Amino acid sequence: MNDSLFISQSNSIDISNSCLYCSYNVLTNLLEKFGLVVKHSKTEIFHFNRSHGVFNPPPLNLSPLEENILLSSNTWKYPGFIFDRKLTFHQHVDFYMNKAISMVTCMKLLGNSSRGINPLQKRLLYRSCILLIALYRFQLWFYNHAPIAYHMKILNKMQRHAVIWILGAFKTSPSYGVKAIAGLIPIKLHFQKLGGRSQL
């Protein structure tokens, strides 16, 4: 068995930890009866929290099971998604934005020779490869009344890198001007367009 998940909801971390321990203990005993072994070293614990202050959750004590104490992690990685405790998705956006910028940097090699690709081909590569990585699962954090100022700042930086590469413009060129010449709409408007389509 792989990728099991326990969810506990409570106003108290101690009550939540006790529920998780009981569920974990029951599952471990059941699997041992079937001759299966639970790898405790691969077990992770993660707490969501809505408080504005510093949040230091207590560890989950598995000593009755003759195992180590599980410490809570700051992020939870689930196939393709990176969750943080307050569901701001800053780490998720940072991860995919860095991948997109790295791809822009690598694609600069395609235009370094005397017969490099033209701006139309660069724009096509940006829209079909780089933009899809940067916008991966944006529906998680782009919705009505969600705070997206941080996300837009990071993604505008990525789009500016791409537009400078597409046009071969100076780094000091105005953002809106080079985006208009390259035929790319601002990233926020692109999000609104895709968000409306995904809701339909």
N, C-alpha and C. Protein backbone atom coordinates (compact mmCIF):
# COMPACT_ATOMS: atom_id res chain seq x y z
N MET A 1 0.85 -1.19 0.00
CA MET A 1 0.00 0.00 0.00
C MET A 1 0.89 1.23 0.00
N ASN A 2 0.45 2.25 -0.71
CA ASN A 2 1.26 3.45 -0.83
C ASN A 2 0.38 4.69 -0.72
N ASP A 3 0.97 5.80 -0.18
CA ASP A 3 0.29 7.10 -0.11
C ASP A 3 -1.03 7.04 0.64
N SER A 4 -1.00 6.52 1.90
CA SER A 4 -2.21 6.62 2.72
C SER A 4 -2.28 8.00 3.36
N LEU A 5 -3.48 8.39 3.74
CA LEU A 5 -3.69 9.73 4.27
C LEU A 5 -4.71 9.70 5.39
N PHE A 6 -4.34 10.25 6.56
CA PHE A 6 -5.26 10.43 7.67
C PHE A 6 -5.56 11.92 7.81
N ILE A 7 -6.81 12.25 8.04
CA ILE A 7 -7.21 13.65 8.23
C ILE A 7 -7.95 13.76 9.54
N SER A 8 -7.53 14.72 10.36
CA SER A 8 -8.20 14.97 11.63
C SER A 8 -8.46 16.46 11.76
N GLN A 9 -9.66 16.83 12.20
CA GLN A 9 -10.02 18.23 12.35
C GLN A 9 -10.45 18.49 13.78
N SER A 10 -9.83 19.49 14.39
CA SER A 10 -10.15 19.81 15.78
C SER A 10 -9.66 21.22 16.09
N ASN A 11 -10.26 21.82 17.12
CA ASN A 11 -9.81 23.14 17.58
C ASN A 11 -8.56 23.04 18.45
N SER A 12 -8.21 21.83 18.85
CA SER A 12 -7.04 21.61 19.71
C SER A 12 -6.06 20.69 19.00
N ILE A 13 -4.79 21.09 19.01
CA ILE A 13 -3.75 20.27 18.40
C ILE A 13 -3.58 18.96 19.17
N ASP A 14 -3.71 19.00 20.48
CA ASP A 14 -3.53 17.79 21.29
C ASP A 14 -4.60 16.75 20.95
N ILE A 15 -5.86 17.21 20.82
CA ILE A 15 -6.93 16.28 20.46
C ILE A 15 -6.70 15.71 19.06
N SER A 16 -6.26 16.57 18.15
CA SER A 16 -5.99 16.12 16.79
C SER A 16 -4.88 15.08 16.76
N ASN A 17 -3.81 15.32 17.54
CA ASN A 17 -2.72 14.36 17.59
C ASN A 17 -3.15 13.03 18.19
N SER A 18 -4.00 13.07 19.22
CA SER A 18 -4.47 11.82 19.82
C SER A 18 -5.33 11.02 18.85
N CYS A 19 -6.17 11.72 18.06
CA CYS A 19 -6.97 11.03 17.04
C CYS A 19 -6.09 10.42 15.96
N LEU A 20 -5.06 11.16 15.56
CA LEU A 20 -4.14 10.64 14.54
C LEU A 20 -3.40 9.42 15.06
N TYR A 21 -2.99 9.48 16.32
CA TYR A 21 -2.26 8.34 16.89
C TYR A 21 -3.15 7.10 16.95
N CYS A 22 -4.39 7.25 17.38
CA CYS A 22 -5.30 6.10 17.45
C CYS A 22 -5.53 5.50 16.07
N SER A 23 -5.77 6.34 15.07
CA SER A 23 -6.00 5.84 13.71
C SER A 23 -4.75 5.16 13.17
N TYR A 24 -3.61 5.74 13.45
CA TYR A 24 -2.35 5.17 12.98
C TYR A 24 -2.08 3.82 13.65
N ASN A 25 -2.40 3.74 14.92
CA ASN A 25 -2.20 2.48 15.66
C ASN A 25 -3.12 1.39 15.12
N VAL A 26 -4.39 1.71 14.85
CA VAL A 26 -5.34 0.73 14.33
C VAL A 26 -4.88 0.23 12.96
N LEU A 27 -4.47 1.16 12.08
CA LEU A 27 -4.03 0.76 10.75
C LEU A 27 -2.78 -0.10 10.81
N THR A 28 -1.85 0.25 11.67
CA THR A 28 -0.61 -0.53 11.80
C THR A 28 -0.92 -1.96 12.24
N ASN A 29 -1.80 -2.12 13.21
CA ASN A 29 -2.16 -3.46 13.68
C ASN A 29 -2.86 -4.28 12.60
N LEU A 30 -3.74 -3.63 11.85
CA LEU A 30 -4.44 -4.34 10.78
C LEU A 30 -3.47 -4.81 9.69
N LEU A 31 -2.56 -3.93 9.31
CA LEU A 31 -1.61 -4.30 8.26
C LEU A 31 -0.66 -5.39 8.71
N GLU A 32 -0.27 -5.37 9.98
CA GLU A 32 0.61 -6.42 10.49
C GLU A 32 -0.07 -7.78 10.47
N LYS A 33 -1.40 -7.82 10.67
CA LYS A 33 -2.12 -9.09 10.60
C LYS A 33 -2.14 -9.65 9.18
N PHE A 34 -2.04 -8.76 8.18
CA PHE A 34 -1.98 -9.21 6.80
C PHE A 34 -0.54 -9.45 6.33
N GLY A 35 0.41 -9.31 7.25
CA GLY A 35 1.81 -9.55 6.91
C GLY A 35 2.49 -8.38 6.22
N LEU A 36 1.91 -7.18 6.35
CA LEU A 36 2.49 -5.99 5.73
C LEU A 36 3.17 -5.14 6.80
N VAL A 37 4.21 -4.44 6.39
CA VAL A 37 5.00 -3.64 7.33
C VAL A 37 4.85 -2.16 6.97
N VAL A 38 4.57 -1.32 7.96
CA VAL A 38 4.48 0.13 7.77
C VAL A 38 5.86 0.73 7.99
N LYS A 39 6.33 1.51 7.03
CA LYS A 39 7.62 2.17 7.16
C LYS A 39 7.41 3.50 7.88
N HIS A 40 7.70 3.49 9.17
CA HIS A 40 7.47 4.70 9.97
C HIS A 40 8.41 5.84 9.57
N SER A 41 9.57 5.48 9.02
CA SER A 41 10.54 6.51 8.64
C SER A 41 10.03 7.37 7.49
N LYS A 42 9.08 6.86 6.70
CA LYS A 42 8.51 7.61 5.59
C LYS A 42 7.21 8.31 5.95
N THR A 43 6.82 8.20 7.20
CA THR A 43 5.57 8.82 7.64
C THR A 43 5.79 10.31 7.90
N GLU A 44 4.85 11.13 7.47
CA GLU A 44 4.93 12.57 7.66
C GLU A 44 3.67 13.06 8.38
N ILE A 45 3.82 14.13 9.12
CA ILE A 45 2.68 14.77 9.78
C ILE A 45 2.67 16.25 9.41
N PHE A 46 1.49 16.76 9.14
CA PHE A 46 1.37 18.14 8.69
C PHE A 46 0.10 18.74 9.28
N HIS A 47 0.20 19.97 9.79
CA HIS A 47 -0.93 20.66 10.40
C HIS A 47 -1.27 21.92 9.60
N PHE A 48 -2.54 22.09 9.27
CA PHE A 48 -3.03 23.37 8.76
C PHE A 48 -3.38 24.26 9.94
N ASN A 49 -3.18 25.56 9.78
CA ASN A 49 -3.44 26.47 10.88
C ASN A 49 -3.82 27.84 10.33
N ARG A 50 -4.84 28.47 10.94
CA ARG A 50 -5.32 29.77 10.47
C ARG A 50 -4.89 30.93 11.36
N SER A 51 -4.12 30.67 12.41
CA SER A 51 -3.71 31.74 13.32
C SER A 51 -2.69 32.64 12.62
N HIS A 52 -2.63 33.90 13.07
CA HIS A 52 -1.73 34.88 12.47
C HIS A 52 -0.37 34.91 13.14
N GLY A 53 -0.26 34.35 14.32
CA GLY A 53 1.00 34.37 15.04
C GLY A 53 1.89 33.20 14.68
N VAL A 54 2.93 33.03 15.49
CA VAL A 54 3.86 31.92 15.29
C VAL A 54 3.17 30.62 15.71
N PHE A 55 3.30 29.61 14.88
CA PHE A 55 2.64 28.33 15.13
C PHE A 55 3.69 27.23 15.22
N ASN A 56 3.83 26.66 16.42
CA ASN A 56 4.78 25.57 16.66
C ASN A 56 4.01 24.37 17.18
N PRO A 57 3.52 23.51 16.30
CA PRO A 57 2.72 22.36 16.75
C PRO A 57 3.57 21.33 17.48
N PRO A 58 3.00 20.68 18.47
CA PRO A 58 3.74 19.63 19.18
C PRO A 58 3.92 18.41 18.30
N PRO A 59 4.96 17.62 18.53
CA PRO A 59 5.18 16.42 17.72
C PRO A 59 4.17 15.33 18.06
N LEU A 60 4.06 14.36 17.17
CA LEU A 60 3.20 13.20 17.39
C LEU A 60 4.05 12.09 17.98
N ASN A 61 3.73 11.68 19.19
CA ASN A 61 4.53 10.71 19.92
C ASN A 61 4.11 9.29 19.52
N LEU A 62 5.02 8.57 18.88
CA LEU A 62 4.77 7.18 18.50
C LEU A 62 5.58 6.20 19.35
N SER A 63 6.04 6.67 20.52
CA SER A 63 6.88 5.81 21.36
C SER A 63 6.17 4.54 21.82
N PRO A 64 4.83 4.53 22.08
CA PRO A 64 4.19 3.25 22.40
C PRO A 64 4.31 2.22 21.29
N LEU A 65 4.54 2.67 20.04
CA LEU A 65 4.71 1.74 18.93
C LEU A 65 6.19 1.41 18.70
N GLU A 66 7.04 1.80 19.69
CA GLU A 66 8.48 1.58 19.62
C GLU A 66 9.09 2.28 18.41
N GLU A 67 8.58 3.45 18.12
CA GLU A 67 9.12 4.22 17.00
C GLU A 67 9.45 5.63 17.48
N ASN A 68 10.05 6.40 16.59
CA ASN A 68 10.46 7.75 16.93
C ASN A 68 9.27 8.70 16.98
N ILE A 69 9.55 9.89 17.43
CA ILE A 69 8.53 10.95 17.47
C ILE A 69 8.48 11.63 16.11
N LEU A 70 7.28 11.85 15.59
CA LEU A 70 7.10 12.51 14.29
C LEU A 70 6.98 14.02 14.48
N LEU A 71 7.87 14.75 13.85
CA LEU A 71 7.83 16.20 13.89
C LEU A 71 7.01 16.73 12.72
N SER A 72 6.29 17.81 12.96
CA SER A 72 5.46 18.39 11.91
C SER A 72 6.32 19.13 10.90
N SER A 73 6.03 18.93 9.61
CA SER A 73 6.77 19.62 8.56
C SER A 73 6.08 20.94 8.19
N ASN A 74 6.85 21.83 7.57
CA ASN A 74 6.31 23.15 7.22
C ASN A 74 5.51 23.14 5.92
N THR A 75 5.82 22.19 5.04
CA THR A 75 5.10 22.08 3.77
C THR A 75 4.70 20.62 3.55
N TRP A 76 3.67 20.44 2.78
CA TRP A 76 3.17 19.11 2.45
C TRP A 76 3.15 18.98 0.93
N LYS A 77 3.93 18.03 0.42
CA LYS A 77 4.02 17.83 -1.02
C LYS A 77 3.17 16.62 -1.39
N TYR A 78 2.15 16.90 -2.16
CA TYR A 78 1.26 15.86 -2.67
C TYR A 78 1.34 15.93 -4.18
N PRO A 79 1.36 14.80 -4.90
CA PRO A 79 1.73 14.78 -6.32
C PRO A 79 1.44 16.05 -7.11
N GLY A 80 2.49 16.83 -7.31
CA GLY A 80 2.37 18.04 -8.11
C GLY A 80 1.96 19.29 -7.35
N PHE A 81 1.56 19.15 -6.09
CA PHE A 81 1.10 20.29 -5.30
C PHE A 81 2.00 20.49 -4.09
N ILE A 82 2.18 21.74 -3.69
CA ILE A 82 2.94 22.06 -2.49
C ILE A 82 2.05 22.91 -1.59
N PHE A 83 1.62 22.34 -0.47
CA PHE A 83 0.73 23.02 0.47
C PHE A 83 1.54 23.59 1.62
N ASP A 84 1.18 24.79 2.06
CA ASP A 84 1.73 25.34 3.29
C ASP A 84 0.62 25.41 4.33
N ARG A 85 0.96 25.74 5.56
CA ARG A 85 0.00 25.63 6.66
C ARG A 85 -1.18 26.58 6.53
N LYS A 86 -0.95 27.74 5.91
CA LYS A 86 -2.03 28.73 5.79
C LYS A 86 -2.67 28.74 4.40
N LEU A 87 -2.27 27.81 3.55
CA LEU A 87 -2.81 27.68 2.19
C LEU A 87 -2.62 28.97 1.38
N THR A 88 -1.44 29.58 1.51
CA THR A 88 -1.12 30.74 0.68
C THR A 88 -0.52 30.31 -0.66
N PHE A 89 0.02 29.10 -0.73
CA PHE A 89 0.63 28.51 -1.93
C PHE A 89 1.81 29.31 -2.44
N HIS A 90 2.51 30.01 -1.54
CA HIS A 90 3.71 30.73 -1.95
C HIS A 90 4.80 29.77 -2.43
N GLN A 91 5.01 28.69 -1.70
CA GLN A 91 6.03 27.72 -2.09
C GLN A 91 5.69 27.05 -3.42
N HIS A 92 4.40 26.80 -3.64
CA HIS A 92 3.96 26.18 -4.89
C HIS A 92 4.28 27.09 -6.08
N VAL A 93 3.95 28.37 -5.95
CA VAL A 93 4.19 29.32 -7.04
C VAL A 93 5.70 29.51 -7.23
N ASP A 94 6.47 29.62 -6.14
CA ASP A 94 7.92 29.79 -6.25
C ASP A 94 8.56 28.61 -6.98
N PHE A 95 8.13 27.40 -6.65
CA PHE A 95 8.71 26.21 -7.25
C PHE A 95 8.52 26.20 -8.77
N TYR A 96 7.28 26.41 -9.20
CA TYR A 96 7.00 26.34 -10.63
C TYR A 96 7.49 27.57 -11.38
N MET A 97 7.55 28.72 -10.71
CA MET A 97 8.10 29.91 -11.35
C MET A 97 9.60 29.73 -11.59
N ASN A 98 10.31 29.13 -10.62
CA ASN A 98 11.75 28.89 -10.80
C ASN A 98 12.00 27.90 -11.93
N LYS A 99 11.13 26.90 -12.06
CA LYS A 99 11.26 25.96 -13.17
C LYS A 99 11.06 26.67 -14.51
N ALA A 100 10.08 27.58 -14.54
CA ALA A 100 9.80 28.31 -15.78
C ALA A 100 10.95 29.23 -16.16
N ILE A 101 11.51 29.95 -15.18
CA ILE A 101 12.64 30.84 -15.46
C ILE A 101 13.86 30.03 -15.90
N SER A 102 14.07 28.86 -15.28
CA SER A 102 15.19 28.01 -15.70
C SER A 102 15.01 27.57 -17.15
N MET A 103 13.76 27.29 -17.53
CA MET A 103 13.51 26.89 -18.92
C MET A 103 13.75 28.05 -19.88
N VAL A 104 13.38 29.27 -19.47
CA VAL A 104 13.66 30.44 -20.31
C VAL A 104 15.17 30.60 -20.49
N THR A 105 15.92 30.41 -19.41
CA THR A 105 17.38 30.53 -19.48
C THR A 105 17.97 29.49 -20.41
N CYS A 106 17.45 28.26 -20.33
CA CYS A 106 17.96 27.20 -21.21
C CYS A 106 17.58 27.45 -22.67
N MET A 107 16.40 28.01 -22.90
CA MET A 107 15.96 28.24 -24.28
C MET A 107 16.72 29.38 -24.95
N LYS A 108 17.45 30.17 -24.17
CA LYS A 108 18.28 31.21 -24.78
C LYS A 108 19.36 30.60 -25.66
N LEU A 109 19.72 29.35 -25.39
CA LEU A 109 20.72 28.67 -26.22
C LEU A 109 20.22 28.45 -27.64
N LEU A 110 18.89 28.41 -27.81
CA LEU A 110 18.32 28.17 -29.14
C LEU A 110 18.50 29.37 -30.07
N GLY A 111 18.75 30.55 -29.49
CA GLY A 111 18.87 31.74 -30.31
C GLY A 111 20.24 32.35 -30.32
N ASN A 112 21.25 31.62 -29.89
CA ASN A 112 22.59 32.18 -29.82
C ASN A 112 23.37 32.05 -31.12
N SER A 113 22.99 31.13 -31.98
CA SER A 113 23.72 30.95 -33.23
C SER A 113 23.27 31.97 -34.27
N SER A 114 23.96 31.99 -35.40
CA SER A 114 23.60 32.94 -36.47
C SER A 114 22.29 32.57 -37.13
N ARG A 115 21.85 31.33 -36.95
CA ARG A 115 20.57 30.89 -37.51
C ARG A 115 19.61 30.49 -36.40
N GLY A 116 19.53 31.31 -35.39
CA GLY A 116 18.64 31.01 -34.27
C GLY A 116 17.18 31.17 -34.66
N ILE A 117 16.30 30.79 -33.75
CA ILE A 117 14.87 30.86 -34.03
C ILE A 117 14.41 32.32 -33.98
N ASN A 118 13.34 32.61 -34.72
CA ASN A 118 12.84 33.98 -34.80
C ASN A 118 11.88 34.27 -33.65
N PRO A 119 11.49 35.54 -33.43
CA PRO A 119 10.61 35.89 -32.31
C PRO A 119 9.27 35.17 -32.31
N LEU A 120 8.69 34.90 -33.47
CA LEU A 120 7.43 34.19 -33.51
C LEU A 120 7.57 32.76 -32.98
N GLN A 121 8.67 32.12 -33.31
CA GLN A 121 8.92 30.77 -32.80
C GLN A 121 9.20 30.79 -31.30
N LYS A 122 9.91 31.82 -30.84
CA LYS A 122 10.16 31.96 -29.40
C LYS A 122 8.85 32.16 -28.64
N ARG A 123 7.97 32.98 -29.20
CA ARG A 123 6.67 33.21 -28.56
C ARG A 123 5.86 31.92 -28.50
N LEU A 124 5.92 31.14 -29.56
CA LEU A 124 5.21 29.86 -29.57
C LEU A 124 5.77 28.91 -28.52
N LEU A 125 7.09 28.87 -28.37
CA LEU A 125 7.70 28.04 -27.34
C LEU A 125 7.29 28.49 -25.94
N TYR A 126 7.24 29.81 -25.75
CA TYR A 126 6.84 30.33 -24.43
C TYR A 126 5.42 29.92 -24.09
N ARG A 127 4.51 30.08 -25.05
CA ARG A 127 3.09 29.78 -24.78
C ARG A 127 2.82 28.28 -24.63
N SER A 128 3.57 27.46 -25.37
CA SER A 128 3.29 26.03 -25.36
C SER A 128 4.09 25.24 -24.33
N CYS A 129 5.19 25.79 -23.84
CA CYS A 129 6.03 25.06 -22.88
C CYS A 129 6.16 25.78 -21.54
N ILE A 130 6.67 26.99 -21.58
CA ILE A 130 7.01 27.68 -20.33
C ILE A 130 5.76 28.10 -19.56
N LEU A 131 4.78 28.65 -20.27
CA LEU A 131 3.58 29.16 -19.60
C LEU A 131 2.79 28.03 -18.94
N LEU A 132 2.78 26.85 -19.54
CA LEU A 132 2.06 25.72 -18.95
C LEU A 132 2.67 25.29 -17.63
N ILE A 133 3.99 25.39 -17.51
CA ILE A 133 4.65 25.05 -16.25
C ILE A 133 4.33 26.09 -15.19
N ALA A 134 4.42 27.36 -15.55
CA ALA A 134 4.18 28.43 -14.58
C ALA A 134 2.74 28.43 -14.07
N LEU A 135 1.79 28.01 -14.91
CA LEU A 135 0.37 28.05 -14.53
C LEU A 135 -0.14 26.72 -14.00
N TYR A 136 0.75 25.82 -13.64
CA TYR A 136 0.31 24.49 -13.22
C TYR A 136 -0.60 24.58 -11.99
N ARG A 137 -1.83 24.10 -12.14
CA ARG A 137 -2.83 24.05 -11.06
C ARG A 137 -3.03 25.41 -10.39
N PHE A 138 -3.12 26.45 -11.20
CA PHE A 138 -3.33 27.79 -10.63
C PHE A 138 -4.70 27.92 -9.98
N GLN A 139 -5.64 27.00 -10.28
CA GLN A 139 -6.97 27.06 -9.68
C GLN A 139 -6.93 26.90 -8.16
N LEU A 140 -5.82 26.38 -7.63
CA LEU A 140 -5.69 26.22 -6.18
C LEU A 140 -5.71 27.57 -5.46
N TRP A 141 -5.08 28.57 -6.06
CA TRP A 141 -4.92 29.84 -5.36
C TRP A 141 -5.54 31.03 -6.09
N PHE A 142 -5.97 30.87 -7.34
CA PHE A 142 -6.55 31.98 -8.09
C PHE A 142 -8.07 31.82 -8.09
N TYR A 143 -8.72 32.53 -7.19
CA TYR A 143 -10.17 32.52 -7.11
C TYR A 143 -10.63 33.85 -6.53
N ASN A 144 -11.91 34.08 -6.49
CA ASN A 144 -12.45 35.38 -6.06
C ASN A 144 -12.03 35.71 -4.63
N HIS A 145 -11.57 36.95 -4.44
CA HIS A 145 -11.21 37.51 -3.14
C HIS A 145 -10.00 36.81 -2.51
N ALA A 146 -9.23 36.06 -3.28
CA ALA A 146 -8.00 35.46 -2.75
C ALA A 146 -6.86 36.47 -2.84
N PRO A 147 -5.99 36.55 -1.83
CA PRO A 147 -4.84 37.46 -1.90
C PRO A 147 -3.80 36.93 -2.89
N ILE A 148 -3.62 37.62 -4.00
CA ILE A 148 -2.74 37.11 -5.05
C ILE A 148 -1.63 38.10 -5.41
N ALA A 149 -1.40 39.11 -4.58
CA ALA A 149 -0.39 40.12 -4.92
C ALA A 149 1.00 39.48 -5.02
N TYR A 150 1.33 38.59 -4.10
CA TYR A 150 2.65 37.93 -4.13
C TYR A 150 2.78 37.08 -5.38
N HIS A 151 1.75 36.33 -5.71
CA HIS A 151 1.80 35.44 -6.86
C HIS A 151 1.98 36.23 -8.15
N MET A 152 1.24 37.34 -8.27
CA MET A 152 1.33 38.14 -9.48
C MET A 152 2.72 38.77 -9.63
N LYS A 153 3.31 39.18 -8.52
CA LYS A 153 4.64 39.78 -8.57
C LYS A 153 5.66 38.76 -9.09
N ILE A 154 5.58 37.53 -8.59
CA ILE A 154 6.52 36.50 -9.02
C ILE A 154 6.30 36.13 -10.49
N LEU A 155 5.04 35.98 -10.89
CA LEU A 155 4.75 35.57 -12.26
C LEU A 155 5.02 36.68 -13.27
N ASN A 156 4.83 37.94 -12.87
CA ASN A 156 5.20 39.05 -13.75
C ASN A 156 6.70 39.06 -14.00
N LYS A 157 7.47 38.70 -12.97
CA LYS A 157 8.93 38.61 -13.12
C LYS A 157 9.28 37.53 -14.15
N MET A 158 8.60 36.39 -14.06
CA MET A 158 8.85 35.31 -15.01
C MET A 158 8.50 35.73 -16.43
N GLN A 159 7.33 36.40 -16.59
CA GLN A 159 6.90 36.81 -17.93
C GLN A 159 7.85 37.86 -18.51
N ARG A 160 8.36 38.73 -17.67
CA ARG A 160 9.30 39.75 -18.16
C ARG A 160 10.58 39.08 -18.68
N HIS A 161 11.09 38.08 -17.96
CA HIS A 161 12.27 37.35 -18.43
C HIS A 161 11.99 36.76 -19.82
N ALA A 162 10.80 36.18 -19.97
CA ALA A 162 10.46 35.53 -21.24
C ALA A 162 10.33 36.55 -22.37
N VAL A 163 9.70 37.69 -22.09
CA VAL A 163 9.49 38.71 -23.14
C VAL A 163 10.83 39.31 -23.59
N ILE A 164 11.73 39.55 -22.65
CA ILE A 164 13.06 40.07 -23.01
C ILE A 164 13.78 39.08 -23.92
N TRP A 165 13.61 37.77 -23.61
CA TRP A 165 14.23 36.74 -24.46
C TRP A 165 13.56 36.68 -25.84
N ILE A 166 12.24 36.78 -25.88
CA ILE A 166 11.52 36.67 -27.16
C ILE A 166 11.93 37.79 -28.11
N LEU A 167 11.99 39.02 -27.61
CA LEU A 167 12.27 40.17 -28.47
C LEU A 167 13.75 40.51 -28.57
N GLY A 168 14.56 39.99 -27.64
CA GLY A 168 15.95 40.40 -27.61
C GLY A 168 16.09 41.85 -27.19
N ALA A 169 15.16 42.32 -26.34
CA ALA A 169 15.13 43.73 -25.93
C ALA A 169 16.11 43.98 -24.79
N PHE A 170 16.32 45.26 -24.50
CA PHE A 170 17.15 45.64 -23.37
C PHE A 170 16.44 45.30 -22.06
N LYS A 171 17.21 45.04 -21.02
CA LYS A 171 16.62 44.70 -19.72
C LYS A 171 15.89 45.88 -19.09
N THR A 172 16.20 47.09 -19.54
CA THR A 172 15.55 48.29 -18.98
C THR A 172 14.30 48.68 -19.75
N SER A 173 13.89 47.88 -20.73
CA SER A 173 12.70 48.21 -21.52
C SER A 173 11.45 48.16 -20.64
N PRO A 174 10.48 49.05 -20.88
CA PRO A 174 9.24 49.04 -20.09
C PRO A 174 8.45 47.75 -20.31
N SER A 175 7.92 47.20 -19.22
CA SER A 175 7.27 45.89 -19.28
C SER A 175 6.07 45.87 -20.20
N TYR A 176 5.15 46.83 -20.03
CA TYR A 176 3.92 46.81 -20.83
C TYR A 176 4.22 47.02 -22.31
N GLY A 177 5.23 47.80 -22.62
CA GLY A 177 5.58 48.04 -24.01
C GLY A 177 6.09 46.79 -24.70
N VAL A 178 7.03 46.09 -24.05
CA VAL A 178 7.58 44.89 -24.69
C VAL A 178 6.55 43.76 -24.74
N LYS A 179 5.65 43.70 -23.76
CA LYS A 179 4.59 42.69 -23.80
C LYS A 179 3.64 42.95 -24.97
N ALA A 180 3.35 44.23 -25.21
CA ALA A 180 2.46 44.56 -26.33
C ALA A 180 3.12 44.23 -27.67
N ILE A 181 4.41 44.53 -27.80
CA ILE A 181 5.12 44.23 -29.05
C ILE A 181 5.20 42.73 -29.27
N ALA A 182 5.39 41.96 -28.18
CA ALA A 182 5.49 40.50 -28.30
C ALA A 182 4.13 39.85 -28.49
N GLY A 183 3.06 40.62 -28.30
CA GLY A 183 1.71 40.06 -28.48
C GLY A 183 1.26 39.21 -27.31
N LEU A 184 1.72 39.56 -26.09
CA LEU A 184 1.34 38.81 -24.89
C LEU A 184 0.55 39.73 -23.97
N ILE A 185 -0.58 39.24 -23.48
CA ILE A 185 -1.38 40.02 -22.55
C ILE A 185 -0.77 39.91 -21.16
N PRO A 186 -1.05 40.88 -20.26
CA PRO A 186 -0.55 40.77 -18.88
C PRO A 186 -0.98 39.45 -18.24
N ILE A 187 -0.13 38.94 -17.38
CA ILE A 187 -0.34 37.60 -16.82
C ILE A 187 -1.63 37.51 -16.01
N LYS A 188 -2.02 38.61 -15.35
CA LYS A 188 -3.25 38.57 -14.57
C LYS A 188 -4.47 38.41 -15.46
N LEU A 189 -4.48 39.10 -16.60
CA LEU A 189 -5.60 38.95 -17.54
C LEU A 189 -5.63 37.54 -18.13
N HIS A 190 -4.46 36.96 -18.32
CA HIS A 190 -4.40 35.58 -18.82
C HIS A 190 -4.99 34.62 -17.78
N PHE A 191 -4.71 34.87 -16.52
CA PHE A 191 -5.28 34.05 -15.44
C PHE A 191 -6.81 34.17 -15.43
N GLN A 192 -7.30 35.40 -15.56
CA GLN A 192 -8.75 35.59 -15.55
C GLN A 192 -9.42 34.87 -16.71
N LYS A 193 -8.80 34.88 -17.87
CA LYS A 193 -9.35 34.19 -19.04
C LYS A 193 -9.38 32.68 -18.79
N LEU A 194 -8.26 32.11 -18.34
CA LEU A 194 -8.20 30.67 -18.11
C LEU A 194 -9.07 30.26 -16.94
N GLY A 195 -9.16 31.12 -15.90
CA GLY A 195 -10.00 30.81 -14.75
C GLY A 195 -11.47 30.73 -15.13
N GLY A 196 -11.92 31.66 -15.96
CA GLY A 196 -13.31 31.61 -16.42
C GLY A 196 -13.60 30.38 -17.25
N ARG A 197 -12.65 29.98 -18.09
CA ARG A 197 -12.85 28.77 -18.91
C ARG A 197 -12.87 27.51 -18.05
N SER A 198 -11.98 27.46 -17.05
CA SER A 198 -11.94 26.25 -16.22
C SER A 198 -13.21 26.12 -15.38
N GLN A 199 -13.79 27.24 -14.97
CA GLN A 199 -15.04 27.17 -14.21
C GLN A 199 -16.19 26.66 -15.09
N LEU A 200 -16.19 27.06 -16.36
CA LEU A 200 -17.22 26.54 -17.28
C LEU A 200 -17.05 25.04 -17.48
